[in-house]
PDB file of N, CA and C in Angstrom:
ATOM      1  N   MET A   1      30.841 -64.926   6.855  1.00  0.00           N
ATOM      2  CA  MET A   1      30.211 -64.639   8.114  1.00  0.00           C
ATOM      3  C   MET A   1      28.841 -65.312   8.153  1.00  0.00           C
ATOM      4  N   GLN A   2      28.432 -65.750   9.326  1.00  0.00           N
ATOM      5  CA  GLN A   2      27.127 -66.391   9.462  1.00  0.00           C
ATOM      6  C   GLN A   2      26.115 -65.428  10.081  1.00  0.00           C
ATOM      7  N   TYR A   3      24.876 -65.553   9.626  1.00  0.00           N
ATOM      8  CA  TYR A   3      23.775 -64.725  10.097  1.00  0.00           C
ATOM      9  C   TYR A   3      22.599 -65.612  10.456  1.00  0.00           C
ATOM     10  N   LEU A   4      21.847 -65.171  11.457  1.00  0.00           N
ATOM     11  CA  LEU A   4      20.589 -65.808  11.832  1.00  0.00           C
ATOM     12  C   LEU A   4      19.465 -64.977  11.252  1.00  0.00           C
ATOM     13  N   LEU A   5      18.653 -65.585  10.412  1.00  0.00           N
ATOM     14  CA  LEU A   5      17.451 -64.946   9.887  1.00  0.00           C
ATOM     15  C   LEU A   5      16.280 -65.540  10.655  1.00  0.00           C
ATOM     16  N   SER A   6      15.703 -64.771  11.553  1.00  0.00           N
ATOM     17  CA  SER A   6      14.610 -65.240  12.405  1.00  0.00           C
ATOM     18  C   SER A   6      13.278 -64.865  11.772  1.00  0.00           C
ATOM     19  N   VAL A   7      12.408 -65.839  11.614  1.00  0.00           N
ATOM     20  CA  VAL A   7      11.075 -65.600  11.048  1.00  0.00           C
ATOM     21  C   VAL A   7      10.134 -65.270  12.205  1.00  0.00           C
ATOM     22  N   VAL A   8       9.519 -64.105  12.140  1.00  0.00           N
ATOM     23  CA  VAL A   8       8.681 -63.588  13.210  1.00  0.00           C
ATOM     24  C   VAL A   8       7.233 -63.541  12.734  1.00  0.00           C
ATOM     25  N   THR A   9       6.315 -63.992  13.595  1.00  0.00           N
ATOM     26  CA  THR A   9       4.901 -63.988  13.231  1.00  0.00           C
ATOM     27  C   THR A   9       4.061 -63.637  14.453  1.00  0.00           C
ATOM     28  N   ASP A  10       2.794 -63.370  14.207  1.00  0.00           N
ATOM     29  CA  ASP A  10       1.856 -63.131  15.310  1.00  0.00           C
ATOM     30  C   ASP A  10       0.673 -64.086  15.217  1.00  0.00           C
ATOM     31  N   SER A  11       0.858 -65.159  14.428  1.00  0.00           N
ATOM     32  CA  SER A  11      -0.209 -66.131  14.224  1.00  0.00           C
ATOM     33  C   SER A  11       0.335 -67.541  14.413  1.00  0.00           C
ATOM     34  N   THR A  12      -0.452 -68.401  15.023  1.00  0.00           N
ATOM     35  CA  THR A  12      -0.025 -69.792  15.190  1.00  0.00           C
ATOM     36  C   THR A  12      -0.379 -70.642  13.972  1.00  0.00           C
ATOM     37  N   GLU A  13      -0.972 -70.016  12.959  1.00  0.00           N
ATOM     38  CA  GLU A  13      -1.297 -70.755  11.734  1.00  0.00           C
ATOM     39  C   GLU A  13      -0.016 -71.109  11.003  1.00  0.00           C
ATOM     40  N   LEU A  14       0.049 -72.339  10.518  1.00  0.00           N
ATOM     41  CA  LEU A  14       1.201 -72.792   9.760  1.00  0.00           C
ATOM     42  C   LEU A  14       1.204 -72.169   8.379  1.00  0.00           C
ATOM     43  N   ALA A  15       2.332 -72.265   7.705  1.00  0.00           N
ATOM     44  CA  ALA A  15       2.448 -71.744   6.353  1.00  0.00           C
ATOM     45  C   ALA A  15       1.446 -72.425   5.438  1.00  0.00           C
ATOM     46  N   THR A  16       0.926 -71.657   4.501  1.00  0.00           N
ATOM     47  CA  THR A  16       0.016 -72.211   3.500  1.00  0.00           C
ATOM     48  C   THR A  16       0.816 -73.063   2.519  1.00  0.00           C
ATOM     49  N   ASP A  17       0.133 -73.817   1.677  1.00  0.00           N
ATOM     50  CA  ASP A  17       0.817 -74.618   0.661  1.00  0.00           C
ATOM     51  C   ASP A  17       1.642 -73.720  -0.265  1.00  0.00           C
ATOM     52  N   GLU A  18       1.090 -72.555  -0.611  1.00  0.00           N
ATOM     53  CA  GLU A  18       1.803 -71.625  -1.488  1.00  0.00           C
ATOM     54  C   GLU A  18       3.055 -71.081  -0.801  1.00  0.00           C
ATOM     55  N   GLU A  19       2.935 -70.750   0.482  1.00  0.00           N
ATOM     56  CA  GLU A  19       4.093 -70.264   1.231  1.00  0.00           C
ATOM     57  C   GLU A  19       5.148 -71.353   1.354  1.00  0.00           C
ATOM     58  N   MET A  20       4.737 -72.583   1.627  1.00  0.00           N
ATOM     59  CA  MET A  20       5.695 -73.687   1.729  1.00  0.00           C
ATOM     60  C   MET A  20       6.429 -73.906   0.408  1.00  0.00           C
ATOM     61  N   ALA A  21       5.700 -73.798  -0.705  1.00  0.00           N
ATOM     62  CA  ALA A  21       6.339 -73.949  -2.016  1.00  0.00           C
ATOM     63  C   ALA A  21       7.370 -72.845  -2.238  1.00  0.00           C
ATOM     64  N   ALA A  22       7.030 -71.613  -1.876  1.00  0.00           N
ATOM     65  CA  ALA A  22       7.963 -70.494  -2.030  1.00  0.00           C
ATOM     66  C   ALA A  22       9.170 -70.658  -1.111  1.00  0.00           C
ATOM     67  N   ILE A  23       8.945 -71.144   0.098  1.00  0.00           N
ATOM     68  CA  ILE A  23      10.048 -71.392   1.032  1.00  0.00           C
ATOM     69  C   ILE A  23      10.974 -72.473   0.472  1.00  0.00           C
ATOM     70  N   ASP A  24      10.412 -73.524  -0.107  1.00  0.00           N
ATOM     71  CA  ASP A  24      11.224 -74.582  -0.710  1.00  0.00           C
ATOM     72  C   ASP A  24      12.104 -74.035  -1.830  1.00  0.00           C
ATOM     73  N   VAL A  25      11.551 -73.155  -2.658  1.00  0.00           N
ATOM     74  CA  VAL A  25      12.319 -72.535  -3.742  1.00  0.00           C
ATOM     75  C   VAL A  25      13.445 -71.685  -3.155  1.00  0.00           C
ATOM     76  N   PHE A  26      13.132 -70.890  -2.126  1.00  0.00           N
ATOM     77  CA  PHE A  26      14.148 -70.060  -1.481  1.00  0.00           C
ATOM     78  C   PHE A  26      15.231 -70.927  -0.850  1.00  0.00           C
ATOM     79  N   ASN A  27      14.843 -72.000  -0.163  1.00  0.00           N
ATOM     80  CA  ASN A  27      15.821 -72.922   0.436  1.00  0.00           C
ATOM     81  C   ASN A  27      16.746 -73.507  -0.627  1.00  0.00           C
ATOM     82  N   SER A  28      16.181 -73.905  -1.751  1.00  0.00           N
ATOM     83  CA  SER A  28      16.989 -74.461  -2.844  1.00  0.00           C
ATOM     84  C   SER A  28      17.992 -73.433  -3.358  1.00  0.00           C
ATOM     85  N   ARG A  29      17.550 -72.182  -3.465  1.00  0.00           N
ATOM     86  CA  ARG A  29      18.459 -71.125  -3.913  1.00  0.00           C
ATOM     87  C   ARG A  29      19.589 -70.937  -2.916  1.00  0.00           C
ATOM     88  N   LEU A  30      19.268 -70.909  -1.621  1.00  0.00           N
ATOM     89  CA  LEU A  30      20.314 -70.769  -0.606  1.00  0.00           C
ATOM     90  C   LEU A  30      21.339 -71.892  -0.727  1.00  0.00           C
ATOM     91  N   GLN A  31      20.862 -73.109  -0.949  1.00  0.00           N
ATOM     92  CA  GLN A  31      21.753 -74.258  -1.068  1.00  0.00           C
ATOM     93  C   GLN A  31      22.609 -74.159  -2.328  1.00  0.00           C
ATOM     94  N   THR A  32      21.980 -73.846  -3.440  1.00  0.00           N
ATOM     95  CA  THR A  32      22.684 -73.766  -4.726  1.00  0.00           C
ATOM     96  C   THR A  32      23.760 -72.693  -4.714  1.00  0.00           C
ATOM     97  N   GLU A  33      23.473 -71.551  -4.071  1.00  0.00           N
ATOM     98  CA  GLU A  33      24.412 -70.428  -4.078  1.00  0.00           C
ATOM     99  C   GLU A  33      25.411 -70.455  -2.920  1.00  0.00           C
ATOM    100  N   GLY A  34      25.365 -71.521  -2.103  1.00  0.00           N
ATOM    101  CA  GLY A  34      26.341 -71.685  -1.041  1.00  0.00           C
ATOM    102  C   GLY A  34      26.075 -70.875   0.221  1.00  0.00           C
ATOM    103  N   HIS A  35      24.847 -70.370   0.387  1.00  0.00           N
ATOM    104  CA  HIS A  35      24.502 -69.607   1.584  1.00  0.00           C
ATOM    105  C   HIS A  35      23.940 -70.490   2.701  1.00  0.00           C
ATOM    106  N   TRP A  36      23.480 -71.668   2.358  1.00  0.00           N
ATOM    107  CA  TRP A  36      22.771 -72.543   3.298  1.00  0.00           C
ATOM    108  C   TRP A  36      23.696 -73.084   4.372  1.00  0.00           C
ATOM    109  N   VAL A  37      23.295 -72.961   5.624  1.00  0.00           N
ATOM    110  CA  VAL A  37      23.945 -73.651   6.733  1.00  0.00           C
ATOM    111  C   VAL A  37      22.928 -74.578   7.389  1.00  0.00           C
ATOM    112  N   PHE A  38      21.796 -74.012   7.802  1.00  0.00           N
ATOM    113  CA  PHE A  38      20.769 -74.798   8.486  1.00  0.00           C
ATOM    114  C   PHE A  38      19.499 -73.971   8.541  1.00  0.00           C
ATOM    115  N   ALA A  39      18.355 -74.641   8.589  1.00  0.00           N
ATOM    116  CA  ALA A  39      17.074 -73.948   8.740  1.00  0.00           C
ATOM    117  C   ALA A  39      16.098 -74.861   9.461  1.00  0.00           C
ATOM    118  N   GLY A  40      15.069 -74.268  10.043  1.00  0.00           N
ATOM    119  CA  GLY A  40      14.063 -75.075  10.705  1.00  0.00           C
ATOM    120  C   GLY A  40      12.860 -74.252  11.109  1.00  0.00           C
ATOM    121  N   GLY A  41      11.758 -74.944  11.248  1.00  0.00           N
ATOM    122  CA  GLY A  41      10.546 -74.332  11.772  1.00  0.00           C
ATOM    123  C   GLY A  41      10.406 -74.709  13.239  1.00  0.00           C
ATOM    124  N   LEU A  42       9.674 -73.888  13.965  1.00  0.00           N
ATOM    125  CA  LEU A  42       9.498 -74.120  15.390  1.00  0.00           C
ATOM    126  C   LEU A  42       8.020 -74.258  15.736  1.00  0.00           C
ATOM    127  N   ALA A  43       7.741 -75.021  16.785  1.00  0.00           N
ATOM    128  CA  ALA A  43       6.384 -75.106  17.315  1.00  0.00           C
ATOM    129  C   ALA A  43       6.013 -73.747  17.901  1.00  0.00           C
ATOM    130  N   GLY A  44       4.741 -73.524  18.116  1.00  0.00           N
ATOM    131  CA  GLY A  44       4.263 -72.273  18.686  1.00  0.00           C
ATOM    132  C   GLY A  44       4.699 -72.101  20.129  1.00  0.00           C
ATOM    133  N   PRO A  45       4.526 -70.891  20.651  1.00  0.00           N
ATOM    134  CA  PRO A  45       4.977 -70.606  22.013  1.00  0.00           C
ATOM    135  C   PRO A  45       4.270 -71.433  23.082  1.00  0.00           C
ATOM    136  N   ASP A  46       3.094 -71.959  22.780  1.00  0.00           N
ATOM    137  CA  ASP A  46       2.401 -72.792  23.765  1.00  0.00           C
ATOM    138  C   ASP A  46       3.145 -74.103  24.031  1.00  0.00           C
ATOM    139  N   ALA A  47       4.075 -74.472  23.140  1.00  0.00           N
ATOM    140  CA  ALA A  47       4.868 -75.687  23.315  1.00  0.00           C
ATOM    141  C   ALA A  47       6.208 -75.411  23.995  1.00  0.00           C
ATOM    142  N   ALA A  48       6.464 -74.147  24.348  1.00  0.00           N
ATOM    143  CA  ALA A  48       7.755 -73.756  24.934  1.00  0.00           C
ATOM    144  C   ALA A  48       7.828 -74.126  26.412  1.00  0.00           C
ATOM    145  N   THR A  49       9.033 -74.372  26.873  1.00  0.00           N
ATOM    146  CA  THR A  49       9.336 -74.556  28.293  1.00  0.00           C
ATOM    147  C   THR A  49      10.572 -73.723  28.596  1.00  0.00           C
ATOM    148  N   VAL A  50      10.511 -72.943  29.661  1.00  0.00           N
ATOM    149  CA  VAL A  50      11.631 -72.100  30.063  1.00  0.00           C
ATOM    150  C   VAL A  50      12.304 -72.721  31.280  1.00  0.00           C
ATOM    151  N   VAL A  51      13.627 -72.849  31.218  1.00  0.00           N
ATOM    152  CA  VAL A  51      14.418 -73.387  32.321  1.00  0.00           C
ATOM    153  C   VAL A  51      15.311 -72.274  32.844  1.00  0.00           C
ATOM    154  N   ASP A  52      15.229 -72.011  34.148  1.00  0.00           N
ATOM    155  CA  ASP A  52      16.054 -70.980  34.791  1.00  0.00           C
ATOM    156  C   ASP A  52      16.756 -71.598  35.990  1.00  0.00           C
ATOM    157  N   ASN A  53      18.058 -71.846  35.856  1.00  0.00           N
ATOM    158  CA  ASN A  53      18.830 -72.460  36.927  1.00  0.00           C
ATOM    159  C   ASN A  53      19.854 -71.470  37.485  1.00  0.00           C
ATOM    160  N   ARG A  54      19.454 -70.207  37.612  1.00  0.00           N
ATOM    161  CA  ARG A  54      20.364 -69.193  38.149  1.00  0.00           C
ATOM    162  C   ARG A  54      20.286 -69.082  39.664  1.00  0.00           C
ATOM    163  N   GLY A  55      19.292 -69.674  40.283  1.00  0.00           N
ATOM    164  CA  GLY A  55      19.124 -69.554  41.726  1.00  0.00           C
ATOM    165  C   GLY A  55      19.517 -70.825  42.450  1.00  0.00           C
ATOM    166  N   GLU A  56      18.946 -70.985  43.636  1.00  0.00           N
ATOM    167  CA  GLU A  56      19.228 -72.154  44.469  1.00  0.00           C
ATOM    168  C   GLU A  56      18.718 -73.446  43.832  1.00  0.00           C
ATOM    169  N   GLN A  57      17.546 -73.375  43.233  1.00  0.00           N
ATOM    170  CA  GLN A  57      16.914 -74.534  42.599  1.00  0.00           C
ATOM    171  C   GLN A  57      16.504 -74.168  41.172  1.00  0.00           C
ATOM    172  N   PRO A  58      16.579 -75.130  40.252  1.00  0.00           N
ATOM    173  CA  PRO A  58      16.111 -74.835  38.904  1.00  0.00           C
ATOM    174  C   PRO A  58      14.596 -74.614  38.899  1.00  0.00           C
ATOM    175  N   VAL A  59      14.167 -73.672  38.077  1.00  0.00           N
ATOM    176  CA  VAL A  59      12.746 -73.396  37.895  1.00  0.00           C
ATOM    177  C   VAL A  59      12.403 -73.730  36.448  1.00  0.00           C
ATOM    178  N   VAL A  60      11.433 -74.608  36.262  1.00  0.00           N
ATOM    179  CA  VAL A  60      10.984 -75.009  34.935  1.00  0.00           C
ATOM    180  C   VAL A  60       9.541 -74.536  34.785  1.00  0.00           C
ATOM    181  N   THR A  61       9.303 -73.707  33.761  1.00  0.00           N
ATOM    182  CA  THR A  61       7.995 -73.093  33.570  1.00  0.00           C
ATOM    183  C   THR A  61       7.465 -73.405  32.187  1.00  0.00           C
ATOM    184  N   ASP A  62       6.237 -73.882  32.096  1.00  0.00           N
ATOM    185  CA  ASP A  62       5.605 -74.091  30.798  1.00  0.00           C
ATOM    186  C   ASP A  62       5.267 -72.740  30.185  1.00  0.00           C
ATOM    187  N   GLY A  63       5.384 -72.684  28.878  1.00  0.00           N
ATOM    188  CA  GLY A  63       5.017 -71.468  28.171  1.00  0.00           C
ATOM    189  C   GLY A  63       6.221 -70.639  27.775  1.00  0.00           C
ATOM    190  N   PRO A  64       5.981 -69.591  27.001  1.00  0.00           N
ATOM    191  CA  PRO A  64       7.083 -68.781  26.471  1.00  0.00           C
ATOM    192  C   PRO A  64       7.763 -67.961  27.553  1.00  0.00           C
ATOM    193  N   PHE A  65       8.966 -67.512  27.254  1.00  0.00           N
ATOM    194  CA  PHE A  65       9.762 -66.695  28.157  1.00  0.00           C
ATOM    195  C   PHE A  65       9.061 -65.371  28.461  1.00  0.00           C
ATOM    196  N   VAL A  66       8.505 -64.744  27.441  1.00  0.00           N
ATOM    197  CA  VAL A  66       7.791 -63.477  27.620  1.00  0.00           C
ATOM    198  C   VAL A  66       6.425 -63.573  26.957  1.00  0.00           C
ATOM    199  N   GLU A  67       5.487 -62.853  27.493  1.00  0.00           N
ATOM    200  CA  GLU A  67       4.172 -62.742  26.859  1.00  0.00           C
ATOM    201  C   GLU A  67       4.277 -61.651  25.802  1.00  0.00           C
ATOM    202  N   THR A  68       4.041 -62.005  24.573  1.00  0.00           N
ATOM    203  CA  THR A  68       4.149 -61.060  23.481  1.00  0.00           C
ATOM    204  C   THR A  68       3.242 -61.491  22.350  1.00  0.00           C
ATOM    205  N   LYS A  69       2.868 -60.554  21.519  1.00  0.00           N
ATOM    206  CA  LYS A  69       2.017 -60.878  20.374  1.00  0.00           C
ATOM    207  C   LYS A  69       2.815 -61.585  19.276  1.00  0.00           C
ATOM    208  N   GLU A  70       4.063 -61.163  19.084  1.00  0.00           N
ATOM    209  CA  GLU A  70       4.901 -61.759  18.043  1.00  0.00           C
ATOM    210  C   GLU A  70       5.875 -62.760  18.659  1.00  0.00           C
ATOM    211  N   PHE A  71       6.231 -63.768  17.879  1.00  0.00           N
ATOM    212  CA  PHE A  71       7.145 -64.791  18.367  1.00  0.00           C
ATOM    213  C   PHE A  71       7.896 -65.414  17.205  1.00  0.00           C
ATOM    214  N   LEU A  72       8.981 -66.101  17.527  1.00  0.00           N
ATOM    215  CA  LEU A  72       9.815 -66.783  16.544  1.00  0.00           C
ATOM    216  C   LEU A  72       9.135 -68.079  16.118  1.00  0.00           C
ATOM    217  N   ILE A  73       8.960 -68.246  14.804  1.00  0.00           N
ATOM    218  CA  ILE A  73       8.289 -69.439  14.281  1.00  0.00           C
ATOM    219  C   ILE A  73       9.222 -70.282  13.410  1.00  0.00           C
ATOM    220  N   GLY A  74      10.366 -69.723  13.041  1.00  0.00           N
ATOM    221  CA  GLY A  74      11.318 -70.460  12.217  1.00  0.00           C
ATOM    222  C   GLY A  74      12.580 -69.653  12.025  1.00  0.00           C
ATOM    223  N   PHE A  75      13.559 -70.228  11.349  1.00  0.00           N
ATOM    224  CA  PHE A  75      14.828 -69.538  11.171  1.00  0.00           C
ATOM    225  C   PHE A  75      15.632 -70.150  10.038  1.00  0.00           C
ATOM    226  N   TRP A  76      16.549 -69.364   9.546  1.00  0.00           N
ATOM    227  CA  TRP A  76      17.612 -69.819   8.654  1.00  0.00           C
ATOM    228  C   TRP A  76      18.929 -69.391   9.270  1.00  0.00           C
ATOM    229  N   ILE A  77      19.936 -70.217   9.186  1.00  0.00           N
ATOM    230  CA  ILE A  77      21.302 -69.807   9.467  1.00  0.00           C
ATOM    231  C   ILE A  77      21.997 -69.831   8.119  1.00  0.00           C
ATOM    232  N   ILE A  78      22.536 -68.681   7.739  1.00  0.00           N
ATOM    233  CA  ILE A  78      23.126 -68.559   6.401  1.00  0.00           C
ATOM    234  C   ILE A  78      24.568 -68.090   6.476  1.00  0.00           C
ATOM    235  N   GLU A  79      25.288 -68.337   5.395  1.00  0.00           N
ATOM    236  CA  GLU A  79      26.615 -67.770   5.163  1.00  0.00           C
ATOM    237  C   GLU A  79      26.428 -66.630   4.175  1.00  0.00           C
ATOM    238  N   ALA A  80      26.997 -65.470   4.486  1.00  0.00           N
ATOM    239  CA  ALA A  80      26.928 -64.334   3.575  1.00  0.00           C
ATOM    240  C   ALA A  80      28.217 -63.535   3.689  1.00  0.00           C
ATOM    241  N   ALA A  81      28.642 -62.954   2.599  1.00  0.00           N
ATOM    242  CA  ALA A  81      29.894 -62.196   2.576  1.00  0.00           C
ATOM    243  C   ALA A  81      29.845 -60.995   3.511  1.00  0.00           C
ATOM    244  N   ASP A  82      28.657 -60.385   3.648  1.00  0.00           N
ATOM    245  CA  ASP A  82      28.526 -59.204   4.508  1.00  0.00           C
ATOM    246  C   ASP A  82      27.049 -58.971   4.816  1.00  0.00           C
ATOM    247  N   LEU A  83      26.779 -57.946   5.609  1.00  0.00           N
ATOM    248  CA  LEU A  83      25.415 -57.647   6.025  1.00  0.00           C
ATOM    249  C   LEU A  83      24.520 -57.315   4.844  1.00  0.00           C
ATOM    250  N   ASP A  84      25.053 -56.635   3.836  1.00  0.00           N
ATOM    251  CA  ASP A  84      24.235 -56.289   2.673  1.00  0.00           C
ATOM    252  C   ASP A  84      23.696 -57.534   1.976  1.00  0.00           C
ATOM    253  N   VAL A  85      24.539 -58.549   1.829  1.00  0.00           N
ATOM    254  CA  VAL A  85      24.104 -59.808   1.214  1.00  0.00           C
ATOM    255  C   VAL A  85      23.064 -60.485   2.109  1.00  0.00           C
ATOM    256  N   ALA A  86      23.312 -60.503   3.415  1.00  0.00           N
ATOM    257  CA  ALA A  86      22.364 -61.120   4.356  1.00  0.00           C
ATOM    258  C   ALA A  86      21.013 -60.416   4.307  1.00  0.00           C
ATOM    259  N   LEU A  87      21.026 -59.088   4.239  1.00  0.00           N
ATOM    260  CA  LEU A  87      19.772 -58.335   4.169  1.00  0.00           C
ATOM    261  C   LEU A  87      19.026 -58.605   2.867  1.00  0.00           C
ATOM    262  N   ALA A  88      19.753 -58.690   1.772  1.00  0.00           N
ATOM    263  CA  ALA A  88      19.116 -58.996   0.485  1.00  0.00           C
ATOM    264  C   ALA A  88      18.463 -60.380   0.528  1.00  0.00           C
ATOM    265  N   LEU A  89      19.140 -61.343   1.135  1.00  0.00           N
ATOM    266  CA  LEU A  89      18.554 -62.678   1.266  1.00  0.00           C
ATOM    267  C   LEU A  89      17.355 -62.654   2.205  1.00  0.00           C
ATOM    268  N   ALA A  90      17.424 -61.872   3.275  1.00  0.00           N
ATOM    269  CA  ALA A  90      16.296 -61.759   4.203  1.00  0.00           C
ATOM    270  C   ALA A  90      15.072 -61.165   3.521  1.00  0.00           C
ATOM    271  N   VAL A  91      15.289 -60.222   2.617  1.00  0.00           N
ATOM    272  CA  VAL A  91      14.182 -59.650   1.845  1.00  0.00           C
ATOM    273  C   VAL A  91      13.477 -60.749   1.057  1.00  0.00           C
ATOM    274  N   GLU A  92      14.256 -61.615   0.419  1.00  0.00           N
ATOM    275  CA  GLU A  92      13.674 -62.717  -0.353  1.00  0.00           C
ATOM    276  C   GLU A  92      13.012 -63.744   0.560  1.00  0.00           C
ATOM    277  N   GLY A  93      13.648 -64.038   1.698  1.00  0.00           N
ATOM    278  CA  GLY A  93      13.061 -64.985   2.645  1.00  0.00           C
ATOM    279  C   GLY A  93      11.753 -64.478   3.211  1.00  0.00           C
ATOM    280  N   SER A  94      11.691 -63.194   3.504  1.00  0.00           N
ATOM    281  CA  SER A  94      10.458 -62.590   4.014  1.00  0.00           C
ATOM    282  C   SER A  94       9.328 -62.713   3.001  1.00  0.00           C
ATOM    283  N   ARG A  95       9.652 -62.478   1.751  1.00  0.00           N
ATOM    284  CA  ARG A  95       8.644 -62.613   0.687  1.00  0.00           C
ATOM    285  C   ARG A  95       8.187 -64.063   0.594  1.00  0.00           C
ATOM    286  N   ALA A  96       9.134 -64.998   0.643  1.00  0.00           N
ATOM    287  CA  ALA A  96       8.809 -66.416   0.488  1.00  0.00           C
ATOM    288  C   ALA A  96       7.895 -66.914   1.606  1.00  0.00           C
ATOM    289  N   CYS A  97       8.204 -66.566   2.847  1.00  0.00           N
ATOM    290  CA  CYS A  97       7.413 -67.102   3.962  1.00  0.00           C
ATOM    291  C   CYS A  97       6.255 -66.183   4.354  1.00  0.00           C
ATOM    292  N   ASN A  98       6.212 -64.992   3.754  1.00  0.00           N
ATOM    293  CA  ASN A  98       5.124 -64.038   4.000  1.00  0.00           C
ATOM    294  C   ASN A  98       5.066 -63.614   5.469  1.00  0.00           C
ATOM    295  N   ARG A  99       6.246 -63.420   6.053  1.00  0.00           N
ATOM    296  CA  ARG A  99       6.367 -62.998   7.448  1.00  0.00           C
ATOM    297  C   ARG A  99       7.577 -62.080   7.592  1.00  0.00           C
ATOM    298  N   LYS A 100       7.661 -61.374   8.708  1.00  0.00           N
ATOM    299  CA  LYS A 100       8.827 -60.540   8.970  1.00  0.00           C
ATOM    300  C   LYS A 100      10.034 -61.423   9.256  1.00  0.00           C
ATOM    301  N   VAL A 101      11.219 -60.922   8.905  1.00  0.00           N
ATOM    302  CA  VAL A 101      12.470 -61.642   9.157  1.00  0.00           C
ATOM    303  C   VAL A 101      13.451 -60.680   9.817  1.00  0.00           C
ATOM    304  N   GLU A 102      13.981 -61.082  10.969  1.00  0.00           N
ATOM    305  CA  GLU A 102      15.007 -60.310  11.664  1.00  0.00           C
ATOM    306  C   GLU A 102      16.365 -60.895  11.320  1.00  0.00           C
ATOM    307  N   VAL A 103      17.340 -60.038  11.076  1.00  0.00           N
ATOM    308  CA  VAL A 103      18.694 -60.467  10.702  1.00  0.00           C
ATOM    309  C   VAL A 103      19.650 -60.113  11.838  1.00  0.00           C
ATOM    310  N   ARG A 104      20.440 -61.111  12.272  1.00  0.00           N
ATOM    311  CA  ARG A 104      21.463 -60.882  13.300  1.00  0.00           C
ATOM    312  C   ARG A 104      22.738 -61.650  12.935  1.00  0.00           C
ATOM    313  N   PRO A 105      23.887 -60.971  13.016  1.00  0.00           N
ATOM    314  CA  PRO A 105      25.143 -61.693  12.789  1.00  0.00           C
ATOM    315  C   PRO A 105      25.510 -62.519  14.018  1.00  0.00           C
ATOM    316  N   PHE A 106      26.162 -63.645  13.794  1.00  0.00           N
ATOM    317  CA  PHE A 106      26.736 -64.406  14.891  1.00  0.00           C
ATOM    318  C   PHE A 106      27.997 -63.704  15.338  1.00  0.00           C
ATOM    319  N   LEU A 107      28.312 -63.769  16.613  1.00  0.00           N
ATOM    320  CA  LEU A 107      29.537 -63.154  17.143  1.00  0.00           C
ATOM    321  C   LEU A 107      30.727 -64.033  16.867  1.00  0.00           C
TER     322      LEU A 107
END
């Protein structure tokens, strides 16, 4: 089963060198143990653009979808046998990146 591990932060500061090193170690472990599918970091919410084409005309708005203190700054997509394995990996990922991690299964 695949899971999305979303990295949540309330700061636009990038990861420190120490955090990046820990993330690299965690990424290597995910790859070695066969959990790795894909991962990436994201620009801050000030770089977001929202597109809404549900009405008569598309509306394109600069900025994040919602005003909030916390936002998504990165993610991992992993393979895990079950939620318990995904949660255990999220615990390690949270430690590595020094941020909260939300876990969601793909449908």
